[in-house]
Amino acid sequence: MYLVGVGPDGTLSFHATHMGRAMGLWSDGQRIVLATANQIVRFENILGPGQQLDCADRHYLPRVIHLTGD
């Protein structure tokens, strides 16, 4: 999964994380739900309005993981 944004100097910013065989993705801006071949992972943005962490206005952490099997 790749997250793409704009850095503080206006350049593109990329973050990559390996989650296995991605099958579906949904987001509403505050959370991301990723379905893979054997799990469903919900990421939540931990930053509040106006907060930043390392120049980013969103910081998603995995909060719930459902193992589904094959």
N, C-alpha and C. Protein backbone atom coordinates (compact mmCIF):
# COMPACT_ATOMS: atom_id res chain seq x y z
N MET A 1 0.85 -1.15 0.00
CA MET A 1 0.00 0.00 0.00
C MET A 1 0.90 1.22 0.00
N TYR A 2 0.61 2.16 -0.88
CA TYR A 2 1.36 3.40 -0.97
C TYR A 2 0.47 4.56 -0.55
N LEU A 3 0.98 5.40 0.33
CA LEU A 3 0.30 6.64 0.69
C LEU A 3 1.09 7.78 0.05
N VAL A 4 0.40 8.64 -0.66
CA VAL A 4 1.04 9.72 -1.40
C VAL A 4 0.50 11.05 -0.90
N GLY A 5 1.39 12.00 -0.67
CA GLY A 5 0.99 13.32 -0.20
C GLY A 5 1.93 14.37 -0.73
N VAL A 6 1.81 15.57 -0.20
CA VAL A 6 2.66 16.70 -0.58
C VAL A 6 3.49 17.08 0.63
N GLY A 7 4.81 17.15 0.43
CA GLY A 7 5.72 17.53 1.50
C GLY A 7 5.65 19.01 1.79
N PRO A 8 6.31 19.45 2.87
CA PRO A 8 6.27 20.86 3.25
C PRO A 8 6.87 21.80 2.21
N ASP A 9 7.76 21.26 1.37
CA ASP A 9 8.37 22.09 0.33
C ASP A 9 7.64 21.97 -1.00
N GLY A 10 6.48 21.31 -1.01
CA GLY A 10 5.68 21.18 -2.23
C GLY A 10 6.01 19.98 -3.10
N THR A 11 6.98 19.17 -2.68
CA THR A 11 7.32 17.97 -3.45
C THR A 11 6.43 16.80 -3.02
N LEU A 12 6.37 15.78 -3.87
CA LEU A 12 5.58 14.60 -3.55
C LEU A 12 6.24 13.82 -2.41
N SER A 13 5.41 13.28 -1.54
CA SER A 13 5.87 12.48 -0.42
C SER A 13 5.23 11.10 -0.54
N PHE A 14 6.02 10.04 -0.41
CA PHE A 14 5.53 8.67 -0.53
C PHE A 14 5.83 7.89 0.74
N HIS A 15 4.90 7.04 1.13
CA HIS A 15 5.13 6.08 2.20
C HIS A 15 4.60 4.74 1.72
N ALA A 16 5.43 3.71 1.81
CA ALA A 16 5.03 2.38 1.35
C ALA A 16 5.02 1.41 2.53
N THR A 17 4.03 0.54 2.54
CA THR A 17 3.97 -0.52 3.53
C THR A 17 3.53 -1.80 2.83
N HIS A 18 4.16 -2.90 3.16
CA HIS A 18 3.83 -4.17 2.52
C HIS A 18 2.74 -4.86 3.33
N MET A 19 1.61 -5.12 2.69
CA MET A 19 0.48 -5.76 3.37
C MET A 19 0.08 -7.06 2.71
N GLY A 20 0.83 -7.55 1.79
CA GLY A 20 0.43 -8.78 1.10
C GLY A 20 -0.51 -8.48 -0.05
N ARG A 21 -1.18 -9.46 -0.51
CA ARG A 21 -2.03 -9.36 -1.69
C ARG A 21 -3.28 -8.49 -1.43
N ALA A 22 -3.21 -7.23 -1.82
CA ALA A 22 -4.33 -6.30 -1.59
C ALA A 22 -5.49 -6.66 -2.49
N MET A 23 -6.70 -6.68 -1.91
CA MET A 23 -7.90 -7.05 -2.65
C MET A 23 -8.91 -5.91 -2.71
N GLY A 24 -8.86 -4.99 -1.76
CA GLY A 24 -9.81 -3.88 -1.73
C GLY A 24 -9.34 -2.81 -0.77
N LEU A 25 -9.77 -1.57 -1.03
CA LEU A 25 -9.35 -0.44 -0.22
C LEU A 25 -10.50 0.55 -0.10
N TRP A 26 -10.72 1.10 1.10
CA TRP A 26 -11.75 2.11 1.33
C TRP A 26 -11.20 3.13 2.31
N SER A 27 -11.56 4.40 2.13
CA SER A 27 -11.14 5.44 3.06
C SER A 27 -12.18 6.55 3.12
N ASP A 28 -12.27 7.18 4.29
CA ASP A 28 -13.10 8.38 4.42
C ASP A 28 -12.26 9.56 4.91
N GLY A 29 -10.95 9.44 4.86
CA GLY A 29 -10.05 10.51 5.28
C GLY A 29 -9.54 10.35 6.70
N GLN A 30 -10.35 9.80 7.59
CA GLN A 30 -9.93 9.55 8.97
C GLN A 30 -9.55 8.10 9.21
N ARG A 31 -10.04 7.21 8.36
CA ARG A 31 -9.69 5.80 8.49
C ARG A 31 -9.52 5.19 7.11
N ILE A 32 -8.72 4.14 7.07
CA ILE A 32 -8.49 3.36 5.86
C ILE A 32 -8.78 1.92 6.21
N VAL A 33 -9.54 1.24 5.38
CA VAL A 33 -9.79 -0.19 5.55
C VAL A 33 -9.19 -0.89 4.34
N LEU A 34 -8.30 -1.83 4.60
CA LEU A 34 -7.61 -2.57 3.55
C LEU A 34 -7.95 -4.05 3.69
N ALA A 35 -8.45 -4.65 2.62
CA ALA A 35 -8.71 -6.08 2.59
C ALA A 35 -7.59 -6.75 1.80
N THR A 36 -6.99 -7.77 2.39
CA THR A 36 -5.96 -8.55 1.70
C THR A 36 -6.48 -9.97 1.50
N ALA A 37 -5.63 -10.84 1.03
CA ALA A 37 -6.04 -12.22 0.75
C ALA A 37 -6.49 -12.95 2.02
N ASN A 38 -5.96 -12.54 3.20
CA ASN A 38 -6.33 -13.28 4.41
C ASN A 38 -6.58 -12.42 5.64
N GLN A 39 -6.76 -11.12 5.46
CA GLN A 39 -7.08 -10.27 6.60
C GLN A 39 -7.75 -8.97 6.16
N ILE A 40 -8.41 -8.33 7.11
CA ILE A 40 -8.99 -7.00 6.91
C ILE A 40 -8.39 -6.12 7.99
N VAL A 41 -7.76 -5.02 7.58
CA VAL A 41 -7.05 -4.14 8.51
C VAL A 41 -7.69 -2.76 8.47
N ARG A 42 -8.02 -2.22 9.66
CA ARG A 42 -8.54 -0.86 9.75
C ARG A 42 -7.47 0.03 10.37
N PHE A 43 -7.07 1.05 9.62
CA PHE A 43 -6.11 2.05 10.07
C PHE A 43 -6.89 3.29 10.50
N GLU A 44 -6.49 3.92 11.61
CA GLU A 44 -7.13 5.14 12.09
C GLU A 44 -6.12 6.27 12.11
N ASN A 45 -6.55 7.46 11.71
CA ASN A 45 -5.72 8.66 11.82
C ASN A 45 -5.68 9.06 13.28
N ILE A 46 -4.47 9.18 13.85
CA ILE A 46 -4.35 9.51 15.27
C ILE A 46 -4.18 11.00 15.51
N LEU A 47 -4.07 11.80 14.46
CA LEU A 47 -3.89 13.24 14.62
C LEU A 47 -5.23 13.96 14.60
N GLY A 48 -5.36 14.93 15.46
CA GLY A 48 -6.56 15.74 15.50
C GLY A 48 -6.47 16.90 14.51
N PRO A 49 -7.54 17.65 14.36
CA PRO A 49 -7.54 18.80 13.45
C PRO A 49 -6.44 19.80 13.83
N GLY A 50 -5.64 20.20 12.84
CA GLY A 50 -4.58 21.17 13.07
C GLY A 50 -3.28 20.57 13.60
N GLN A 51 -3.27 19.30 13.97
CA GLN A 51 -2.05 18.66 14.46
C GLN A 51 -1.20 18.18 13.29
N GLN A 52 0.12 18.13 13.52
CA GLN A 52 1.04 17.58 12.53
C GLN A 52 2.07 16.71 13.22
N LEU A 53 2.56 15.73 12.49
CA LEU A 53 3.62 14.86 12.97
C LEU A 53 4.61 14.69 11.84
N ASP A 54 5.84 15.14 12.03
CA ASP A 54 6.86 15.10 10.97
C ASP A 54 6.34 15.74 9.69
N CYS A 55 5.70 16.89 9.79
CA CYS A 55 5.16 17.66 8.66
C CYS A 55 3.98 16.99 7.98
N ALA A 56 3.40 15.96 8.56
CA ALA A 56 2.24 15.28 7.97
C ALA A 56 0.98 15.63 8.78
N ASP A 57 -0.13 15.82 8.08
CA ASP A 57 -1.38 16.14 8.78
C ASP A 57 -2.25 14.90 9.02
N ARG A 58 -1.78 13.74 8.57
CA ARG A 58 -2.44 12.47 8.84
C ARG A 58 -1.36 11.45 9.25
N HIS A 59 -1.69 10.61 10.23
CA HIS A 59 -0.79 9.54 10.65
C HIS A 59 -1.67 8.34 10.97
N TYR A 60 -1.66 7.36 10.09
CA TYR A 60 -2.55 6.19 10.21
C TYR A 60 -1.83 5.05 10.90
N LEU A 61 -2.50 4.50 11.92
CA LEU A 61 -1.98 3.33 12.62
C LEU A 61 -3.00 2.21 12.54
N PRO A 62 -2.53 0.95 12.44
CA PRO A 62 -3.49 -0.17 12.43
C PRO A 62 -4.14 -0.29 13.81
N ARG A 63 -5.47 -0.30 13.83
CA ARG A 63 -6.20 -0.39 15.09
C ARG A 63 -6.94 -1.70 15.26
N VAL A 64 -7.44 -2.27 14.16
CA VAL A 64 -8.17 -3.53 14.21
C VAL A 64 -7.72 -4.39 13.05
N ILE A 65 -7.43 -5.65 13.33
CA ILE A 65 -7.06 -6.61 12.27
C ILE A 65 -7.93 -7.85 12.44
N HIS A 66 -8.67 -8.17 11.40
CA HIS A 66 -9.49 -9.39 11.38
C HIS A 66 -8.80 -10.40 10.46
N LEU A 67 -8.46 -11.56 10.99
CA LEU A 67 -7.88 -12.62 10.18
C LEU A 67 -9.02 -13.43 9.57
N THR A 68 -9.02 -13.55 8.26
CA THR A 68 -10.11 -14.23 7.57
C THR A 68 -9.73 -15.60 7.03
N GLY A 69 -8.46 -15.89 6.94
CA GLY A 69 -8.02 -17.14 6.32
C GLY A 69 -8.06 -17.02 4.81
N ASP A 70 -7.86 -18.11 4.12
CA ASP A 70 -7.80 -18.09 2.65
C ASP A 70 -9.19 -17.86 2.05
